Amino acid sequence: MKKVLIVSLMLAMGLVAAAQKKKELTTSVNINYTLPKVAYDVEVEMECERFIPGPYQNYAEKELGIVPEMKQATENWTIKRIRIHPCYVPDEKAVYSVAASGDYWPVTLSLSAEGFLAGVSAGNGGIFNDDSKMEYVANVLDSEEEIDIMKLNTYNHLKEVLDTNYTYQEIDGEMKKIWDPIVHYAVKTDADNMKEAVSEIFRIRSERVKLLSADNGVPDGKSLDIILREFDRMEKNYLSLFLGKTEKGIVKRVFRCVPEAADELTVAFRFSEQTGATDSKNVTSQVYCLRVEDVSVPASESIATGNDGSAIYYRVPATATLKLLKGKEEVMSCPTIIPQLGNIKRLPVDIISNEGLMIEFYPQYGALKSIRKK
């Protein structure tokens, strides 16, 4: 009898311990996830042609007999290419959680790195993680806004100056005053620079004529070609001091747009031939917009979007045509999938658990990919 009481007591203590352990597991747990929305990165590739006037343009006609075609700094921009890339980002209006308390449901979630729902109960749907690309595109144009003779390799910014200096020496028994110059170097003035540039231009032309007439003894062939090309480069650099120069370069800009409604214009960027891509609020420039048309949703209306922790929420995305417009003119269009213009549906967690379902989603769309039993 004593042995029976001991066993009974141990059994009772075990049941109490199990009950306490189970009670400790009733803490509420919430796992958050989000449904995606699509944004469009509009990448604009532009060419800029910039004219920089020469610092000695006022002397061009007098010294060289040439009148500069332009005298004011100008820029001329043209659009060379526009690319549109979809980019899937969390939708702050579609954030949900799965709550577990009391008897835990044997349900597991798979999420992408962005927090998008990818699968339920071992379904993963191929974890979506579209690598973010941070891109800094520098202006490839030369940043100089003026032409400086100091940047020419052949230029020396110093000049020799002879100071007036006299000494006295005895010559033929008589002390005479004799000029004994002292040489020092000073920075050239703007007038000195202009005169030297003119002199270099004519010297280069003279040397070129001698080369072409074989007066310098340089043999024909590759050596002569290299020398002539170098003379051409030097002359072009010096002439730019009087005539200015034109440079071209490619500049890229990226603008992000998020469509919020069908048939609604979303300003991507504005463009001016004088300044390139400008602020979207600059109404004096040509506007480029995105518009979503022909929206189709293959499902009934959305269910109530309250955050019920006992259900899994997913999207039925909309299909549509995305158009890029220049003012009212259509530039290009393409079919697209837009999750945020679709509908939101729910799957009760208890059905998933009781039926032993494995569910996979397309994380970038928030849409169902497959449902099957384990």
Protein backbone atom coordinates (compact mmCIF):
# COMPACT_ATOMS: atom_id res chain seq x y z
CA MET A 1 0.00 0.00 0.00
CA LYS A 2 2.84 2.32 0.85
CA LYS A 3 4.43 1.68 -2.54
CA VAL A 4 1.15 2.51 -4.34
CA LEU A 5 0.86 5.82 -2.49
CA ILE A 6 4.41 6.78 -3.44
CA VAL A 7 3.81 6.03 -7.13
CA SER A 8 0.54 7.95 -7.05
CA LEU A 9 2.24 10.89 -5.44
CA MET A 10 5.02 10.88 -8.03
CA LEU A 11 2.47 10.71 -10.85
CA ALA A 12 0.55 13.64 -9.42
CA MET A 13 3.73 15.68 -9.09
CA GLY A 14 4.60 14.87 -12.72
CA LEU A 15 1.17 16.02 -13.93
CA VAL A 16 1.50 19.27 -11.96
CA ALA A 17 4.99 19.86 -13.42
CA ALA A 18 3.69 19.17 -16.95
CA ALA A 19 0.78 21.53 -16.41
CA GLN A 20 3.15 24.25 -15.18
CA LYS A 21 5.45 23.69 -18.14
CA LYS A 22 2.55 23.90 -20.56
CA LYS A 23 1.31 27.03 -18.85
CA GLU A 24 4.67 28.69 -19.35
CA LEU A 25 4.30 28.21 -23.17
CA THR A 26 1.12 30.25 -23.43
CA THR A 27 3.04 33.51 -23.95
CA SER A 28 1.65 35.35 -26.95
CA VAL A 29 3.99 35.38 -29.97
CA ASN A 30 3.61 37.63 -33.03
CA ILE A 31 5.52 37.19 -36.28
CA ASN A 32 5.31 40.22 -38.57
CA TYR A 33 5.49 40.19 -42.34
CA THR A 34 4.61 42.57 -45.13
CA LEU A 35 3.14 42.38 -48.59
CA PRO A 36 5.09 44.04 -51.40
CA LYS A 37 4.35 46.89 -53.74
CA VAL A 38 6.14 47.76 -56.94
CA ALA A 39 8.08 50.95 -57.56
CA TYR A 40 9.69 51.84 -60.88
CA ASP A 41 13.22 53.16 -61.19
CA VAL A 42 13.36 55.40 -64.25
CA GLU A 43 16.97 55.62 -65.42
CA VAL A 44 17.61 58.54 -67.75
CA GLU A 45 20.80 58.68 -69.80
CA MET A 46 21.52 62.16 -71.13
CA GLU A 47 24.24 63.72 -73.26
CA CYS A 48 25.44 67.19 -72.37
CA GLU A 49 27.27 69.37 -74.87
CA ARG A 50 28.92 72.26 -73.06
CA PHE A 51 30.70 75.28 -74.56
CA ILE A 52 33.38 76.98 -72.45
CA PRO A 53 34.53 80.41 -73.72
CA GLY A 54 38.25 81.21 -73.94
CA PRO A 55 39.75 83.76 -71.52
CA TYR A 56 41.42 85.67 -74.40
CA GLN A 57 38.45 85.70 -76.78
CA ASN A 58 38.52 89.51 -77.00
CA TYR A 59 42.01 89.33 -78.57
CA ALA A 60 41.20 86.56 -81.09
CA GLU A 61 40.39 88.83 -84.02
CA LYS A 62 43.26 91.25 -83.39
CA GLU A 63 46.01 88.68 -82.76
CA LEU A 64 44.87 85.73 -84.89
CA GLY A 65 42.40 87.20 -87.36
CA ILE A 66 39.66 84.82 -86.16
CA VAL A 67 36.26 85.75 -84.71
CA PRO A 68 34.91 83.24 -82.11
CA GLU A 69 31.57 81.74 -83.14
CA MET A 70 30.29 81.84 -79.55
CA LYS A 71 31.29 83.98 -76.60
CA GLN A 72 28.91 82.87 -73.84
CA ALA A 73 29.02 79.65 -71.82
CA THR A 74 26.17 77.37 -72.90
CA GLU A 75 24.84 73.86 -72.27
CA ASN A 76 22.72 71.72 -74.56
CA TRP A 77 21.17 68.53 -73.18
CA THR A 78 19.58 65.64 -75.09
CA ILE A 79 18.03 62.41 -73.82
CA LYS A 80 19.79 59.38 -75.28
CA ARG A 81 18.08 56.51 -73.46
CA ILE A 82 15.42 55.81 -70.83
CA ARG A 83 15.23 52.51 -68.94
CA ILE A 84 12.47 51.50 -66.51
CA HIS A 85 13.16 48.80 -63.92
CA PRO A 86 10.59 47.37 -61.46
CA CYS A 87 11.74 47.39 -57.85
CA TYR A 88 9.74 45.61 -55.14
CA VAL A 89 9.58 47.34 -51.78
CA PRO A 90 7.57 46.78 -48.56
CA ASP A 91 4.08 48.23 -48.62
CA GLU A 92 3.62 50.19 -45.41
CA LYS A 93 -0.16 49.86 -45.81
CA ALA A 94 -0.05 46.04 -45.87
CA VAL A 95 1.82 44.93 -42.74
CA TYR A 96 0.42 41.87 -40.93
CA SER A 97 1.32 39.48 -38.13
CA VAL A 98 0.58 35.88 -37.20
CA ALA A 99 -0.26 35.50 -33.50
CA ALA A 100 0.19 32.31 -31.49
CA SER A 101 -1.01 31.73 -27.93
CA GLY A 102 -2.56 28.92 -25.90
CA ASP A 103 -2.32 25.77 -27.98
CA TYR A 104 0.32 26.65 -30.54
CA TRP A 105 -0.53 25.98 -34.17
CA PRO A 106 2.14 23.91 -35.91
CA VAL A 107 2.61 26.62 -38.58
CA THR A 108 5.93 28.01 -39.74
CA LEU A 109 6.53 31.03 -41.95
CA SER A 110 9.25 31.58 -44.56
CA LEU A 111 10.15 35.21 -45.21
CA SER A 112 12.41 36.91 -47.72
CA ALA A 113 15.16 39.26 -46.59
CA GLU A 114 12.80 42.19 -47.17
CA GLY A 115 10.20 40.64 -44.84
CA PHE A 116 7.93 39.51 -47.68
CA LEU A 117 5.87 36.36 -47.10
CA ALA A 118 7.46 33.48 -49.06
CA GLY A 119 5.85 30.32 -47.67
CA VAL A 120 3.86 28.65 -44.89
CA SER A 121 4.59 25.28 -43.24
CA ALA A 122 7.83 24.46 -45.07
CA GLY A 123 6.84 26.02 -48.39
CA ASN A 124 9.39 28.63 -49.38
CA GLY A 125 8.52 29.63 -52.93
CA GLY A 126 12.16 30.42 -53.69
CA ILE A 127 13.27 33.08 -51.25
CA PHE A 128 13.17 36.40 -53.04
CA ASN A 129 15.94 38.84 -52.28
CA ASP A 130 16.51 41.22 -55.15
CA ASP A 131 19.94 42.66 -54.39
CA SER A 132 19.72 46.38 -53.83
CA LYS A 133 22.15 48.29 -55.98
CA MET A 134 23.46 51.55 -54.66
CA GLU A 135 24.83 53.47 -57.58
CA TYR A 136 26.59 56.80 -57.61
CA VAL A 137 26.95 58.16 -61.12
CA ALA A 138 29.35 61.06 -61.25
CA ASN A 139 29.09 63.74 -63.88
CA VAL A 140 31.51 62.48 -66.53
CA LEU A 141 31.96 65.94 -67.99
CA ASP A 142 35.11 67.84 -67.17
CA SER A 143 34.27 69.95 -64.16
CA GLU A 144 36.32 72.93 -65.36
CA GLU A 145 34.23 75.99 -66.09
CA GLU A 146 37.01 77.98 -67.73
CA ILE A 147 40.06 77.30 -69.87
CA ASP A 148 43.32 77.86 -68.02
CA ILE A 149 46.70 78.20 -69.72
CA MET A 150 48.29 76.88 -66.53
CA LYS A 151 46.96 73.40 -67.41
CA LEU A 152 48.89 73.20 -70.68
CA ASN A 153 51.90 70.91 -70.32
CA THR A 154 54.11 73.11 -72.49
CA TYR A 155 53.46 76.26 -70.46
CA ASN A 156 55.89 77.82 -67.97
CA HIS A 157 54.18 80.27 -65.63
CA LEU A 158 57.43 82.06 -64.75
CA LYS A 159 59.42 84.61 -66.80
CA GLU A 160 62.97 85.93 -66.54
CA VAL A 161 63.31 89.49 -65.26
CA LEU A 162 66.58 91.43 -65.45
CA ASP A 163 67.11 93.80 -62.55
CA THR A 164 68.97 97.06 -63.15
CA ASN A 165 72.30 96.61 -61.42
CA TYR A 166 75.55 98.56 -61.93
CA THR A 167 79.08 98.01 -60.73
CA TYR A 168 82.18 100.15 -61.04
CA GLN A 169 85.36 98.88 -62.59
CA GLU A 170 88.67 100.56 -63.41
CA ILE A 171 89.22 100.58 -67.14
CA ASP A 172 92.27 102.24 -68.65
CA GLY A 173 92.99 103.87 -65.33
CA GLU A 174 89.49 105.27 -65.07
CA MET A 175 86.52 104.04 -62.91
CA LYS A 176 83.57 103.33 -65.15
CA LYS A 177 79.96 102.39 -64.41
CA ILE A 178 79.14 99.01 -65.95
CA TRP A 179 75.69 97.36 -66.20
CA ASP A 180 75.76 93.97 -64.46
CA PRO A 181 72.20 92.51 -64.70
CA ILE A 182 70.84 90.16 -62.04
CA VAL A 183 68.34 87.57 -63.32
CA HIS A 184 65.33 86.54 -61.24
CA TYR A 185 61.99 84.91 -62.04
CA ALA A 186 58.52 86.41 -61.69
CA VAL A 187 54.99 85.16 -62.37
CA LYS A 188 53.73 86.10 -65.82
CA THR A 189 50.91 88.59 -66.13
CA ASP A 190 47.71 87.94 -68.07
CA ALA A 191 49.10 90.01 -70.97
CA ASP A 192 52.30 87.93 -70.91
CA ASN A 193 50.22 84.74 -71.09
CA MET A 194 48.18 86.00 -74.04
CA LYS A 195 51.28 87.06 -75.98
CA GLU A 196 52.98 83.73 -75.31
CA ALA A 197 49.90 81.81 -76.48
CA VAL A 198 49.88 83.78 -79.76
CA SER A 199 53.60 83.17 -80.19
CA GLU A 200 53.17 79.42 -79.57
CA ILE A 201 50.36 79.14 -82.11
CA PHE A 202 52.48 80.69 -84.87
CA ARG A 203 55.57 78.71 -83.83
CA ILE A 204 53.61 75.43 -84.03
CA ARG A 205 52.26 76.34 -87.47
CA SER A 206 55.74 77.22 -88.66
CA GLU A 207 57.19 73.96 -87.38
CA ARG A 208 54.39 72.02 -89.04
CA VAL A 209 55.12 73.64 -92.41
CA LYS A 210 58.82 72.76 -92.08
CA LEU A 211 57.93 69.15 -91.28
CA LEU A 212 55.62 68.82 -94.24
CA SER A 213 58.23 70.30 -96.57
CA ALA A 214 60.92 67.96 -95.13
CA ASP A 215 63.07 70.94 -94.04
CA ASN A 216 63.68 69.44 -90.57
CA GLY A 217 65.21 66.20 -91.72
CA VAL A 218 62.51 64.05 -90.06
CA PRO A 219 61.88 60.89 -92.12
CA ASP A 220 58.40 60.09 -93.41
CA GLY A 221 56.37 57.43 -91.68
CA LYS A 222 55.19 56.83 -88.15
CA SER A 223 57.56 59.33 -86.51
CA LEU A 224 56.30 62.14 -88.69
CA ASP A 225 52.69 61.18 -88.04
CA ILE A 226 53.22 61.21 -84.26
CA ILE A 227 54.91 64.61 -84.35
CA LEU A 228 52.18 66.14 -86.52
CA ARG A 229 49.43 64.80 -84.29
CA GLU A 230 51.18 66.23 -81.24
CA PHE A 231 51.46 69.62 -82.93
CA ASP A 232 47.74 69.47 -83.75
CA ARG A 233 46.92 68.77 -80.09
CA MET A 234 49.13 71.60 -78.86
CA GLU A 235 47.67 74.09 -81.35
CA LYS A 236 44.12 73.05 -80.41
CA ASN A 237 44.88 73.67 -76.73
CA TYR A 238 46.31 77.14 -77.38
CA LEU A 239 43.51 78.07 -79.79
CA SER A 240 40.94 77.16 -77.13
CA LEU A 241 42.27 80.06 -75.06
CA PHE A 242 40.92 82.40 -77.78
CA LEU A 243 38.06 80.45 -79.41
CA GLY A 244 36.80 78.41 -76.45
CA LYS A 245 36.07 74.70 -76.61
CA THR A 246 33.15 72.27 -76.69
CA GLU A 247 33.04 69.09 -74.62
CA LYS A 248 30.53 66.26 -74.49
CA GLY A 249 29.71 63.73 -71.82
CA ILE A 250 27.07 61.26 -70.66
CA VAL A 251 25.18 61.81 -67.42
CA LYS A 252 22.78 59.31 -65.79
CA ARG A 253 20.00 60.05 -63.33
CA VAL A 254 17.60 57.62 -61.62
CA PHE A 255 14.10 58.58 -60.44
CA ARG A 256 11.80 56.31 -58.39
CA CYS A 257 8.04 56.33 -58.99
CA VAL A 258 5.30 54.42 -57.16
CA PRO A 259 1.92 54.11 -58.97
CA GLU A 260 -0.93 54.53 -56.49
CA ALA A 261 -3.99 54.36 -58.75
CA ALA A 262 -5.06 53.31 -62.23
CA ASP A 263 -5.06 55.96 -64.99
CA GLU A 264 -3.31 58.39 -62.69
CA LEU A 265 -0.24 60.35 -63.84
CA THR A 266 2.88 59.97 -61.68
CA VAL A 267 5.59 62.52 -62.46
CA ALA A 268 8.91 60.75 -63.07
CA PHE A 269 11.09 63.74 -63.94
CA ARG A 270 11.18 66.98 -65.87
CA PHE A 271 13.66 67.78 -68.62
CA SER A 272 15.10 70.97 -70.06
CA GLU A 273 17.51 71.28 -73.00
CA GLN A 274 19.33 74.00 -71.07
CA THR A 275 19.70 72.31 -67.67
CA GLY A 276 18.99 68.60 -68.22
CA ALA A 277 16.86 66.71 -65.69
CA THR A 278 15.27 69.20 -63.30
CA ASP A 279 13.16 69.19 -60.17
CA SER A 280 9.69 67.71 -60.62
CA LYS A 281 8.18 71.00 -59.41
CA ASN A 282 9.81 73.03 -62.18
CA VAL A 283 6.72 73.51 -64.32
CA THR A 284 8.64 75.39 -67.03
CA SER A 285 10.35 72.16 -68.16
CA GLN A 286 8.97 69.24 -70.17
CA VAL A 287 7.33 66.68 -67.92
CA TYR A 288 7.77 62.90 -68.22
CA CYS A 289 5.15 60.77 -66.42
CA LEU A 290 4.25 57.14 -65.76
CA ARG A 291 0.64 56.01 -66.12
CA VAL A 292 -0.93 52.61 -65.45
CA GLU A 293 -3.75 51.69 -67.83
CA ASP A 294 -5.98 48.69 -68.58
CA VAL A 295 -5.79 47.41 -65.00
CA SER A 296 -7.22 43.91 -64.55
CA VAL A 297 -7.65 41.97 -61.28
CA PRO A 298 -8.65 38.26 -61.64
CA ALA A 299 -10.45 38.14 -58.28
CA SER A 300 -13.34 39.59 -56.34
CA GLU A 301 -12.95 42.59 -54.09
CA SER A 302 -10.57 42.57 -51.16
CA ILE A 303 -11.69 41.16 -47.83
CA ALA A 304 -11.59 43.40 -44.79
CA THR A 305 -7.96 44.34 -44.24
CA GLY A 306 -7.96 44.28 -40.45
CA ASN A 307 -4.95 42.51 -38.97
CA ASP A 308 -6.41 39.19 -37.81
CA GLY A 309 -3.55 37.18 -36.31
CA SER A 310 -5.36 33.89 -36.97
CA ALA A 311 -5.06 34.26 -40.77
CA ILE A 312 -2.42 34.53 -43.48
CA TYR A 313 -2.90 37.45 -45.86
CA TYR A 314 -1.78 37.41 -49.49
CA ARG A 315 -2.33 39.37 -52.65
CA VAL A 316 -4.01 38.76 -55.98
CA PRO A 317 -1.92 41.20 -58.07
CA ALA A 318 -3.27 43.34 -60.86
CA THR A 319 -1.99 43.16 -64.42
CA ALA A 320 -1.79 46.37 -66.42
CA THR A 321 0.00 48.33 -69.11
CA LEU A 322 2.68 50.74 -67.96
CA LYS A 323 3.20 53.78 -70.18
CA LEU A 324 5.84 56.48 -70.23
CA LEU A 325 4.44 59.79 -71.43
CA LYS A 326 6.22 62.93 -72.61
CA GLY A 327 3.52 65.45 -71.89
CA LYS A 328 0.60 63.81 -73.72
CA GLU A 329 2.80 61.92 -76.17
CA GLU A 330 3.35 58.20 -75.51
CA VAL A 331 7.06 57.37 -75.55
CA MET A 332 6.86 53.63 -74.79
CA SER A 333 4.71 51.04 -73.03
CA CYS A 334 4.99 47.50 -71.67
CA PRO A 335 2.85 44.97 -69.74
CA THR A 336 3.47 44.86 -66.01
CA ILE A 337 2.27 43.33 -62.71
CA ILE A 338 1.27 45.77 -59.97
CA PRO A 339 0.63 44.14 -56.56
CA GLN A 340 -0.71 47.25 -54.81
CA LEU A 341 -3.55 47.66 -57.31
CA GLY A 342 -4.74 44.08 -56.77
CA ASN A 343 -6.84 42.58 -53.97
CA ILE A 344 -5.93 41.16 -50.56
CA LYS A 345 -7.22 37.70 -49.50
CA ARG A 346 -6.87 35.62 -46.32
CA LEU A 347 -6.25 31.98 -45.42
CA PRO A 348 -7.27 30.92 -41.85
CA VAL A 349 -4.33 29.47 -39.94
CA ASP A 350 -6.43 26.67 -38.39
CA ILE A 351 -7.34 25.34 -41.86
CA ILE A 352 -3.66 25.36 -42.86
CA SER A 353 -2.80 23.51 -39.65
CA ASN A 354 -5.65 20.99 -39.63
CA GLU A 355 -5.30 20.11 -43.31
CA GLY A 356 -1.51 19.96 -43.17
CA LEU A 357 -1.08 22.38 -46.05
CA MET A 358 2.21 23.62 -47.51
CA ILE A 359 1.82 27.01 -49.20
CA GLU A 360 4.28 28.83 -51.42
CA PHE A 361 4.12 32.48 -52.51
CA TYR A 362 5.79 34.71 -55.05
CA PRO A 363 7.47 37.08 -52.57
CA GLN A 364 7.88 39.98 -55.01
CA TYR A 365 4.14 39.92 -55.81
CA GLY A 366 2.70 38.57 -52.54
CA ALA A 367 0.70 36.10 -54.67
CA LEU A 368 0.00 32.40 -54.20
CA LYS A 369 2.37 30.07 -56.04
CA SER A 370 1.18 26.65 -54.85
CA ILE A 371 -0.90 24.87 -52.17
CA ARG A 372 -0.35 21.19 -51.43
CA LYS A 373 -0.57 18.75 -48.57
CA LYS A 374 2.50 17.55 -46.75
